[in-house]
């Protein structure tokens, strides 16, 4: 990109700024549409039981081979995620008094 041709936004006319913003909005909409299409296609592929089984087996194999992230994903997915406990010192002191 040739930096010499760049014009700061504060040196552009309002019309030029609006046109740049419009083009950016169009590009953003197209990017969102592409991402949504990809998401929809992946969801369709994952809805078949055969693909779910293949993914589950692959994830289990990774966990069995020592992949901690795979283990964590399995644990969290089956609902065994440990609860993060935060101790509230004030509540603890009140309970001690009772």
PDB file of N, CA and C in Angstrom:
ATOM      1  N   UNK A   1       0.850  -1.173   0.000  1.00  0.00           N
ATOM      2  CA  UNK A   1       0.000   0.000   0.000  1.00  0.00           C
ATOM      3  C   UNK A   1       0.894   1.234   0.000  1.00  0.00           C
ATOM      4  N   UNK A   2       0.582   2.188  -0.798  1.00  0.00           N
ATOM      5  CA  UNK A   2       1.370   3.403  -0.915  1.00  0.00           C
ATOM      6  C   UNK A   2       0.881   4.431   0.104  1.00  0.00           C
ATOM      7  N   UNK A   3       1.672   4.653   1.140  1.00  0.00           N
ATOM      8  CA  UNK A   3       1.284   5.543   2.229  1.00  0.00           C
ATOM      9  C   UNK A   3       1.191   7.003   1.780  1.00  0.00           C
ATOM     10  N   UNK A   4       1.858   7.346   0.718  1.00  0.00           N
ATOM     11  CA  UNK A   4       1.835   8.730   0.239  1.00  0.00           C
ATOM     12  C   UNK A   4       0.450   9.148  -0.235  1.00  0.00           C
ATOM     13  N   UNK A   5      -0.357   8.172  -0.656  1.00  0.00           N
ATOM     14  CA  UNK A   5      -1.685   8.474  -1.189  1.00  0.00           C
ATOM     15  C   UNK A   5      -2.758   8.537  -0.092  1.00  0.00           C
ATOM     16  N   UNK A   6      -2.396   8.228   1.137  1.00  0.00           N
ATOM     17  CA  UNK A   6      -3.380   8.217   2.224  1.00  0.00           C
ATOM     18  C   UNK A   6      -3.720   9.638   2.648  1.00  0.00           C
ATOM     19  N   UNK A   7      -5.016   9.873   2.832  1.00  0.00           N
ATOM     20  CA  UNK A   7      -5.496  11.182   3.277  1.00  0.00           C
ATOM     21  C   UNK A   7      -6.195  10.977   4.614  1.00  0.00           C
ATOM     22  N   UNK A   8      -5.777  11.663   5.672  1.00  0.00           N
ATOM     23  CA  UNK A   8      -6.439  11.517   6.975  1.00  0.00           C
ATOM     24  C   UNK A   8      -7.921  11.871   6.878  1.00  0.00           C
ATOM     25  N   UNK A   9      -8.722  11.221   7.711  1.00  0.00           N
ATOM     26  CA  UNK A   9     -10.167  11.454   7.688  1.00  0.00           C
ATOM     27  C   UNK A   9     -10.514  12.910   8.017  1.00  0.00           C
ATOM     28  N   UNK A  10      -9.724  13.554   8.887  1.00  0.00           N
ATOM     29  CA  UNK A  10     -10.063  14.925   9.247  1.00  0.00           C
ATOM     30  C   UNK A  10      -9.745  15.911   8.121  1.00  0.00           C
ATOM     31  N   UNK A  11      -9.086  15.423   7.068  1.00  0.00           N
ATOM     32  CA  UNK A  11      -8.812  16.273   5.909  1.00  0.00           C
ATOM     33  C   UNK A  11      -9.752  15.966   4.738  1.00  0.00           C
ATOM     34  N   UNK A  12     -10.687  15.089   4.953  1.00  0.00           N
ATOM     35  CA  UNK A  12     -11.648  14.728   3.902  1.00  0.00           C
ATOM     36  C   UNK A  12     -12.942  15.520   4.090  1.00  0.00           C
ATOM     37  N   UNK A  13     -13.685  15.646   2.989  1.00  0.00           N
ATOM     38  CA  UNK A  13     -14.983  16.322   3.080  1.00  0.00           C
ATOM     39  C   UNK A  13     -15.980  15.389   3.756  1.00  0.00           C
ATOM     40  N   UNK A  14     -17.092  15.952   4.215  1.00  0.00           N
ATOM     41  CA  UNK A  14     -18.124  15.119   4.846  1.00  0.00           C
ATOM     42  C   UNK A  14     -18.657  14.083   3.870  1.00  0.00           C
ATOM     43  N   UNK A  15     -18.781  14.467   2.607  1.00  0.00           N
ATOM     44  CA  UNK A  15     -19.270  13.527   1.594  1.00  0.00           C
ATOM     45  C   UNK A  15     -18.297  12.356   1.421  1.00  0.00           C
ATOM     46  N   UNK A  16     -17.008  12.652   1.400  1.00  0.00           N
ATOM     47  CA  UNK A  16     -16.011  11.588   1.286  1.00  0.00           C
ATOM     48  C   UNK A  16     -16.058  10.670   2.510  1.00  0.00           C
ATOM     49  N   UNK A  17     -16.225  11.252   3.678  1.00  0.00           N
ATOM     50  CA  UNK A  17     -16.303  10.455   4.907  1.00  0.00           C
ATOM     51  C   UNK A  17     -17.520   9.541   4.887  1.00  0.00           C
ATOM     52  N   UNK A  18     -18.668  10.078   4.428  1.00  0.00           N
ATOM     53  CA  UNK A  18     -19.887   9.258   4.331  1.00  0.00           C
ATOM     54  C   UNK A  18     -19.699   8.115   3.345  1.00  0.00           C
ATOM     55  N   UNK A  19     -19.055   8.379   2.223  1.00  0.00           N
ATOM     56  CA  UNK A  19     -18.833   7.352   1.208  1.00  0.00           C
ATOM     57  C   UNK A  19     -17.928   6.242   1.748  1.00  0.00           C
ATOM     58  N   UNK A  20     -16.893   6.634   2.478  1.00  0.00           N
ATOM     59  CA  UNK A  20     -15.990   5.644   3.075  1.00  0.00           C
ATOM     60  C   UNK A  20     -16.753   4.805   4.104  1.00  0.00           C
ATOM     61  N   UNK A  21     -17.559   5.460   4.920  1.00  0.00           N
ATOM     62  CA  UNK A  21     -18.347   4.753   5.930  1.00  0.00           C
ATOM     63  C   UNK A  21     -19.344   3.806   5.266  1.00  0.00           C
ATOM     64  N   UNK A  22     -19.970   4.252   4.174  1.00  0.00           N
ATOM     65  CA  UNK A  22     -20.927   3.404   3.453  1.00  0.00           C
ATOM     66  C   UNK A  22     -20.239   2.154   2.918  1.00  0.00           C
ATOM     67  N   UNK A  23     -19.071   2.335   2.301  1.00  0.00           N
ATOM     68  CA  UNK A  23     -18.326   1.185   1.760  1.00  0.00           C
ATOM     69  C   UNK A  23     -17.918   0.227   2.874  1.00  0.00           C
ATOM     70  N   UNK A  24     -17.509   0.800   4.032  1.00  0.00           N
ATOM     71  CA  UNK A  24     -17.153  -0.036   5.171  1.00  0.00           C
ATOM     72  C   UNK A  24     -18.336  -0.822   5.686  1.00  0.00           C
ATOM     73  N   UNK A  25     -19.517  -0.180   5.706  1.00  0.00           N
ATOM     74  CA  UNK A  25     -20.731  -0.857   6.151  1.00  0.00           C
ATOM     75  C   UNK A  25     -21.115  -1.995   5.229  1.00  0.00           C
ATOM     76  N   UNK A  26     -20.969  -1.778   3.932  1.00  0.00           N
ATOM     77  CA  UNK A  26     -21.285  -2.822   2.957  1.00  0.00           C
ATOM     78  C   UNK A  26     -20.337  -4.003   3.131  1.00  0.00           C
ATOM     79  N   UNK A  27     -19.031  -3.704   3.277  1.00  0.00           N
ATOM     80  CA  UNK A  27     -18.045  -4.772   3.462  1.00  0.00           C
ATOM     81  C   UNK A  27     -18.304  -5.544   4.753  1.00  0.00           C
ATOM     82  N   UNK A  28     -18.694  -4.825   5.804  1.00  0.00           N
ATOM     83  CA  UNK A  28     -18.993  -5.467   7.080  1.00  0.00           C
ATOM     84  C   UNK A  28     -20.194  -6.410   6.946  1.00  0.00           C
ATOM     85  N   UNK A  29     -21.220  -5.963   6.251  1.00  0.00           N
ATOM     86  CA  UNK A  29     -22.408  -6.800   6.033  1.00  0.00           C
ATOM     87  C   UNK A  29     -22.073  -8.056   5.248  1.00  0.00           C
ATOM     88  N   UNK A  30     -21.219  -7.906   4.236  1.00  0.00           N
ATOM     89  CA  UNK A  30     -20.820  -9.070   3.441  1.00  0.00           C
ATOM     90  C   UNK A  30     -20.024 -10.056   4.285  1.00  0.00           C
ATOM     91  N   UNK A  31     -19.142  -9.554   5.151  1.00  0.00           N
ATOM     92  CA  UNK A  31     -18.354 -10.425   6.025  1.00  0.00           C
ATOM     93  C   UNK A  31     -19.260 -11.174   7.003  1.00  0.00           C
ATOM     94  N   UNK A  32     -20.246 -10.460   7.589  1.00  0.00           N
ATOM     95  CA  UNK A  32     -21.195 -11.114   8.508  1.00  0.00           C
ATOM     96  C   UNK A  32     -21.978 -12.196   7.788  1.00  0.00           C
ATOM     97  N   UNK A  33     -22.367 -11.925   6.545  1.00  0.00           N
ATOM     98  CA  UNK A  33     -23.129 -12.908   5.768  1.00  0.00           C
ATOM     99  C   UNK A  33     -22.288 -14.156   5.512  1.00  0.00           C
ATOM    100  N   UNK A  34     -20.995 -13.965   5.175  1.00  0.00           N
ATOM    101  CA  UNK A  34     -20.119 -15.117   4.931  1.00  0.00           C
ATOM    102  C   UNK A  34     -19.960 -15.946   6.196  1.00  0.00           C
ATOM    103  N   UNK A  35     -19.773 -15.282   7.341  1.00  0.00           N
ATOM    104  CA  UNK A  35     -19.619 -16.001   8.601  1.00  0.00           C
ATOM    105  C   UNK A  35     -20.883 -16.761   8.966  1.00  0.00           C
ATOM    106  N   UNK A  36     -22.044 -16.150   8.737  1.00  0.00           N
ATOM    107  CA  UNK A  36     -23.303 -16.814   9.048  1.00  0.00           C
ATOM    108  C   UNK A  36     -23.501 -18.030   8.155  1.00  0.00           C
ATOM    109  N   UNK A  37     -23.151 -17.891   6.886  1.00  0.00           N
ATOM    110  CA  UNK A  37     -23.283 -19.016   5.966  1.00  0.00           C
ATOM    111  C   UNK A  37     -22.397 -20.169   6.421  1.00  0.00           C
ATOM    112  N   UNK A  38     -21.167 -19.878   6.805  1.00  0.00           N
ATOM    113  CA  UNK A  38     -20.257 -20.910   7.281  1.00  0.00           C
ATOM    114  C   UNK A  38     -20.810 -21.561   8.547  1.00  0.00           C
ATOM    115  N   UNK A  39     -21.317 -20.749   9.458  1.00  0.00           N
ATOM    116  CA  UNK A  39     -21.888 -21.282  10.692  1.00  0.00           C
ATOM    117  C   UNK A  39     -23.071 -22.201  10.382  1.00  0.00           C
ATOM    118  N   UNK A  40     -23.954 -21.753   9.510  1.00  0.00           N
ATOM    119  CA  UNK A  40     -25.125 -22.560   9.151  1.00  0.00           C
ATOM    120  C   UNK A  40     -24.715 -23.883   8.511  1.00  0.00           C
ATOM    121  N   UNK A  41     -23.711 -23.839   7.643  1.00  0.00           N
ATOM    122  CA  UNK A  41     -23.239 -25.069   6.993  1.00  0.00           C
ATOM    123  C   UNK A  41     -22.635 -26.027   8.010  1.00  0.00           C
ATOM    124  N   UNK A  42     -21.867 -25.500   8.959  1.00  0.00           N
ATOM    125  CA  UNK A  42     -21.283 -26.363   9.989  1.00  0.00           C
ATOM    126  C   UNK A  42     -22.360 -26.977  10.871  1.00  0.00           C
ATOM    127  N   UNK A  43     -23.365 -26.206  11.217  1.00  0.00           N
ATOM    128  CA  UNK A  43     -24.452 -26.736  12.049  1.00  0.00           C
ATOM    129  C   UNK A  43     -25.164 -27.874  11.319  1.00  0.00           C
ATOM    130  N   UNK A  44     -25.408 -27.707  10.037  1.00  0.00           N
ATOM    131  CA  UNK A  44     -26.067 -28.767   9.251  1.00  0.00           C
ATOM    132  C   UNK A  44     -25.211 -30.026   9.253  1.00  0.00           C
ATOM    133  N   UNK A  45     -23.897 -29.865   9.051  1.00  0.00           N
ATOM    134  CA  UNK A  45     -23.008 -31.029   9.037  1.00  0.00           C
ATOM    135  C   UNK A  45     -22.950 -31.711  10.406  1.00  0.00           C
ATOM    136  N   UNK A  46     -22.998 -30.913  11.469  1.00  0.00           N
ATOM    137  CA  UNK A  46     -22.918 -31.487  12.811  1.00  0.00           C
ATOM    138  C   UNK A  46     -24.224 -32.138  13.252  1.00  0.00           C
ATOM    139  N   UNK A  47     -25.320 -31.824  12.586  1.00  0.00           N
ATOM    140  CA  UNK A  47     -26.610 -32.388  12.978  1.00  0.00           C
ATOM    141  C   UNK A  47     -26.732 -33.863  12.646  1.00  0.00           C
ATOM    142  N   UNK A  48     -25.901 -34.364  11.750  1.00  0.00           N
ATOM    143  CA  UNK A  48     -25.964 -35.798  11.440  1.00  0.00           C
ATOM    144  C   UNK A  48     -25.251 -36.557  12.549  1.00  0.00           C
ATOM    145  N   UNK A  49     -25.881 -37.616  13.048  1.00  0.00           N
ATOM    146  CA  UNK A  49     -25.326 -38.384  14.163  1.00  0.00           C
ATOM    147  C   UNK A  49     -23.959 -38.961  13.837  1.00  0.00           C
ATOM    148  N   UNK A  50     -23.758 -39.365  12.594  1.00  0.00           N
ATOM    149  CA  UNK A  50     -22.483 -39.969  12.218  1.00  0.00           C
ATOM    150  C   UNK A  50     -21.326 -38.993  12.447  1.00  0.00           C
ATOM    151  N   UNK A  51     -21.528 -37.736  12.058  1.00  0.00           N
ATOM    152  CA  UNK A  51     -20.474 -36.736  12.256  1.00  0.00           C
ATOM    153  C   UNK A  51     -20.251 -36.453  13.735  1.00  0.00           C
ATOM    154  N   UNK A  52     -21.316 -36.398  14.513  1.00  0.00           N
ATOM    155  CA  UNK A  52     -21.179 -36.182  15.954  1.00  0.00           C
ATOM    156  C   UNK A  52     -20.379 -37.312  16.594  1.00  0.00           C
ATOM    157  N   UNK A  53     -20.656 -38.546  16.179  1.00  0.00           N
ATOM    158  CA  UNK A  53     -19.930 -39.695  16.730  1.00  0.00           C
ATOM    159  C   UNK A  53     -18.449 -39.612  16.374  1.00  0.00           C
ATOM    160  N   UNK A  54     -18.156 -39.251  15.133  1.00  0.00           N
ATOM    161  CA  UNK A  54     -16.757 -39.159  14.702  1.00  0.00           C
ATOM    162  C   UNK A  54     -16.024 -38.085  15.503  1.00  0.00           C
ATOM    163  N   UNK A  55     -16.677 -36.956  15.719  1.00  0.00           N
ATOM    164  CA  UNK A  55     -16.060 -35.872  16.480  1.00  0.00           C
ATOM    165  C   UNK A  55     -15.863 -36.301  17.932  1.00  0.00           C
ATOM    166  N   UNK A  56     -16.862 -36.943  18.510  1.00  0.00           N
ATOM    167  CA  UNK A  56     -16.762 -37.387  19.903  1.00  0.00           C
ATOM    168  C   UNK A  56     -15.621 -38.385  20.072  1.00  0.00           C
ATOM    169  N   UNK A  57     -15.499 -39.325  19.158  1.00  0.00           N
ATOM    170  CA  UNK A  57     -14.429 -40.327  19.229  1.00  0.00           C
ATOM    171  C   UNK A  57     -13.069 -39.653  19.075  1.00  0.00           C
ATOM    172  N   UNK A  58     -12.953 -38.726  18.129  1.00  0.00           N
ATOM    173  CA  UNK A  58     -11.685 -38.020  17.932  1.00  0.00           C
ATOM    174  C   UNK A  58     -11.317 -37.224  19.184  1.00  0.00           C
ATOM    175  N   UNK A  59     -12.300 -36.569  19.799  1.00  0.00           N
ATOM    176  CA  UNK A  59     -12.061 -35.791  21.015  1.00  0.00           C
ATOM    177  C   UNK A  59     -11.639 -36.708  22.159  1.00  0.00           C
ATOM    178  N   UNK A  60     -12.307 -37.844  22.298  1.00  0.00           N
ATOM    179  CA  UNK A  60     -11.957 -38.804  23.338  1.00  0.00           C
ATOM    180  C   UNK A  60     -10.541 -39.336  23.130  1.00  0.00           C
ATOM    181  N   UNK A  61     -10.182 -39.651  21.894  1.00  0.00           N
ATOM    182  CA  UNK A  61      -8.834 -40.143  21.607  1.00  0.00           C
ATOM    183  C   UNK A  61      -7.777 -39.101  21.973  1.00  0.00           C
ATOM    184  N   UNK A  62      -8.053 -37.846  21.672  1.00  0.00           N
ATOM    185  CA  UNK A  62      -7.106 -36.786  22.041  1.00  0.00           C
ATOM    186  C   UNK A  62      -6.958 -36.708  23.561  1.00  0.00           C
ATOM    187  N   UNK A  63      -8.072 -36.803  24.267  1.00  0.00           N
ATOM    188  CA  UNK A  63      -8.024 -36.742  25.733  1.00  0.00           C
ATOM    189  C   UNK A  63      -7.246 -37.936  26.291  1.00  0.00           C
ATOM    190  N   UNK A  64      -7.472 -39.113  25.732  1.00  0.00           N
ATOM    191  CA  UNK A  64      -6.773 -40.309  26.200  1.00  0.00           C
ATOM    192  C   UNK A  64      -5.274 -40.236  25.927  1.00  0.00           C
ATOM    193  N   UNK A  65      -4.895 -39.459  24.925  1.00  0.00           N
ATOM    194  CA  UNK A  65      -3.473 -39.290  24.602  1.00  0.00           C
ATOM    195  C   UNK A  65      -2.845 -38.127  25.360  1.00  0.00           C
ATOM    196  N   UNK A  66      -3.559 -37.568  26.336  1.00  0.00           N
ATOM    197  CA  UNK A  66      -2.986 -36.554  27.199  1.00  0.00           C
ATOM    198  C   UNK A  66      -3.317 -35.114  26.857  1.00  0.00           C
ATOM    199  N   UNK A  67      -4.219 -34.885  25.909  1.00  0.00           N
ATOM    200  CA  UNK A  67      -4.588 -33.507  25.555  1.00  0.00           C
ATOM    201  C   UNK A  67      -5.536 -32.966  26.629  1.00  0.00           C
ATOM    202  N   UNK A  68      -5.011 -32.086  27.472  1.00  0.00           N
ATOM    203  CA  UNK A  68      -5.785 -31.556  28.602  1.00  0.00           C
ATOM    204  C   UNK A  68      -6.984 -30.738  28.126  1.00  0.00           C
ATOM    205  N   UNK A  69      -6.813 -29.985  27.039  1.00  0.00           N
ATOM    206  CA  UNK A  69      -7.927 -29.178  26.532  1.00  0.00           C
ATOM    207  C   UNK A  69      -9.067 -30.077  26.063  1.00  0.00           C
ATOM    208  N   UNK A  70      -8.740 -31.212  25.448  1.00  0.00           N
ATOM    209  CA  UNK A  70      -9.776 -32.153  25.012  1.00  0.00           C
ATOM    210  C   UNK A  70     -10.496 -32.721  26.235  1.00  0.00           C
ATOM    211  N   UNK A  71      -9.721 -33.078  27.267  1.00  0.00           N
ATOM    212  CA  UNK A  71     -10.331 -33.576  28.502  1.00  0.00           C
ATOM    213  C   UNK A  71     -11.271 -32.545  29.104  1.00  0.00           C
ATOM    214  N   UNK A  72     -10.804 -31.293  29.176  1.00  0.00           N
ATOM    215  CA  UNK A  72     -11.612 -30.218  29.749  1.00  0.00           C
ATOM    216  C   UNK A  72     -12.898 -30.026  28.957  1.00  0.00           C
ATOM    217  N   UNK A  73     -12.800 -30.088  27.641  1.00  0.00           N
ATOM    218  CA  UNK A  73     -13.987 -29.940  26.786  1.00  0.00           C
ATOM    219  C   UNK A  73     -14.985 -31.051  27.065  1.00  0.00           C
ATOM    220  N   UNK A  74     -14.495 -32.281  27.167  1.00  0.00           N
ATOM    221  CA  UNK A  74     -15.386 -33.416  27.451  1.00  0.00           C
ATOM    222  C   UNK A  74     -16.037 -33.234  28.824  1.00  0.00           C
ATOM    223  N   UNK A  75     -15.214 -32.919  29.834  1.00  0.00           N
ATOM    224  CA  UNK A  75     -15.723 -32.750  31.193  1.00  0.00           C
ATOM    225  C   UNK A  75     -16.811 -31.676  31.253  1.00  0.00           C
ATOM    226  N   UNK A  76     -16.544 -30.535  30.613  1.00  0.00           N
ATOM    227  CA  UNK A  76     -17.504 -29.437  30.639  1.00  0.00           C
ATOM    228  C   UNK A  76     -18.773 -29.782  29.874  1.00  0.00           C
ATOM    229  N   UNK A  77     -18.625 -30.500  28.760  1.00  0.00           N
ATOM    230  CA  UNK A  77     -19.773 -30.840  27.922  1.00  0.00           C
ATOM    231  C   UNK A  77     -20.728 -31.800  28.618  1.00  0.00           C
ATOM    232  N   UNK A  78     -20.170 -32.727  29.405  1.00  0.00           N
ATOM    233  CA  UNK A  78     -21.049 -33.691  30.086  1.00  0.00           C
ATOM    234  C   UNK A  78     -21.561 -33.162  31.418  1.00  0.00           C
ATOM    235  N   UNK A  79     -21.255 -31.899  31.733  1.00  0.00           N
ATOM    236  CA  UNK A  79     -21.812 -31.261  32.917  1.00  0.00           C
ATOM    237  C   UNK A  79     -21.041 -31.507  34.192  1.00  0.00           C
ATOM    238  N   UNK A  80     -19.786 -31.879  34.097  1.00  0.00           N
ATOM    239  CA  UNK A  80     -18.979 -32.154  35.288  1.00  0.00           C
ATOM    240  C   UNK A  80     -18.009 -31.032  35.618  1.00  0.00           C
ATOM    241  N   UNK A  81     -18.229 -29.849  35.063  1.00  0.00           N
ATOM    242  CA  UNK A  81     -17.337 -28.723  35.319  1.00  0.00           C
ATOM    243  C   UNK A  81     -17.433 -28.336  36.788  1.00  0.00           C
ATOM    244  N   UNK A  82     -16.269 -28.265  37.462  1.00  0.00           N
ATOM    245  CA  UNK A  82     -16.318 -27.877  38.872  1.00  0.00           C
ATOM    246  C   UNK A  82     -16.793 -26.438  39.028  1.00  0.00           C
ATOM    247  N   UNK A  83     -17.505 -26.195  40.090  1.00  0.00           N
ATOM    248  CA  UNK A  83     -18.033 -24.868  40.355  1.00  0.00           C
ATOM    249  C   UNK A  83     -16.908 -24.021  40.951  1.00  0.00           C
ATOM    250  N   UNK A  84     -16.740 -22.846  40.412  1.00  0.00           N
ATOM    251  CA  UNK A  84     -15.757 -21.920  40.967  1.00  0.00           C
ATOM    252  C   UNK A  84     -16.338 -21.319  42.232  1.00  0.00           C
ATOM    253  N   UNK A  85     -15.684 -21.554  43.364  1.00  0.00           N
ATOM    254  CA  UNK A  85     -16.170 -21.016  44.633  1.00  0.00           C
ATOM    255  C   UNK A  85     -15.400 -19.754  44.974  1.00  0.00           C
ATOM    256  N   UNK A  86     -16.148 -18.754  45.338  1.00  0.00           N
ATOM    257  CA  UNK A  86     -15.527 -17.538  45.853  1.00  0.00           C
ATOM    258  C   UNK A  86     -16.016 -17.373  47.278  1.00  0.00           C
ATOM    259  N   UNK A  87     -15.098 -17.210  48.153  1.00  0.00           N
ATOM    260  CA  UNK A  87     -15.447 -17.077  49.564  1.00  0.00           C
ATOM    261  C   UNK A  87     -15.657 -15.606  49.869  1.00  0.00           C
ATOM    262  N   UNK A  88     -16.803 -15.339  50.414  1.00  0.00           N
ATOM    263  CA  UNK A  88     -17.117 -13.987  50.830  1.00  0.00           C
ATOM    264  C   UNK A  88     -16.787 -13.885  52.309  1.00  0.00           C
ATOM    265  N   UNK A  89     -15.739 -13.136  52.649  1.00  0.00           N
ATOM    266  CA  UNK A  89     -15.262 -13.039  54.030  1.00  0.00           C
ATOM    267  C   UNK A  89     -16.344 -12.525  54.965  1.00  0.00           C
ATOM    268  N   UNK A  90     -17.143 -11.579  54.521  1.00  0.00           N
ATOM    269  CA  UNK A  90     -18.199 -11.019  55.363  1.00  0.00           C
ATOM    270  C   UNK A  90     -19.225 -12.081  55.701  1.00  0.00           C
ATOM    271  N   UNK A  91     -19.677 -12.838  54.744  1.00  0.00           N
ATOM    272  CA  UNK A  91     -20.660 -13.893  54.964  1.00  0.00           C
ATOM    273  C   UNK A  91     -20.085 -14.946  55.883  1.00  0.00           C
ATOM    274  N   UNK A  92     -18.816 -15.285  55.697  1.00  0.00           N
ATOM    275  CA  UNK A  92     -18.183 -16.290  56.531  1.00  0.00           C
ATOM    276  C   UNK A  92     -18.162 -15.851  57.995  1.00  0.00           C
ATOM    277  N   UNK A  93     -17.858 -14.592  58.269  1.00  0.00           N
ATOM    278  CA  UNK A  93     -17.817 -14.087  59.643  1.00  0.00           C
ATOM    279  C   UNK A  93     -19.210 -14.086  60.264  1.00  0.00           C
ATOM    280  N   UNK A  94     -20.230 -13.740  59.501  1.00  0.00           N
ATOM    281  CA  UNK A  94     -21.603 -13.739  60.020  1.00  0.00           C
ATOM    282  C   UNK A  94     -22.026 -15.145  60.370  1.00  0.00           C
ATOM    283  N   UNK A  95     -21.668 -16.111  59.520  1.00  0.00           N
ATOM    284  CA  UNK A  95     -22.039 -17.501  59.787  1.00  0.00           C
ATOM    285  C   UNK A  95     -21.339 -18.012  61.044  1.00  0.00           C
ATOM    286  N   UNK A  96     -20.107 -17.559  61.286  1.00  0.00           N
ATOM    287  CA  UNK A  96     -19.380 -17.954  62.498  1.00  0.00           C
ATOM    288  C   UNK A  96     -20.085 -17.441  63.760  1.00  0.00           C
ATOM    289  N   UNK A  97     -20.716 -16.279  63.645  1.00  0.00           N
ATOM    290  CA  UNK A  97     -21.396 -15.699  64.804  1.00  0.00           C
ATOM    291  C   UNK A  97     -22.707 -16.391  65.128  1.00  0.00           C
ATOM    292  N   UNK A  98     -23.297 -17.023  64.146  1.00  0.00           N
ATOM    293  CA  UNK A  98     -24.616 -17.662  64.359  1.00  0.00           C
ATOM    294  C   UNK A  98     -24.496 -18.971  65.038  1.00  0.00           C
TER     295      UNK A  98
END
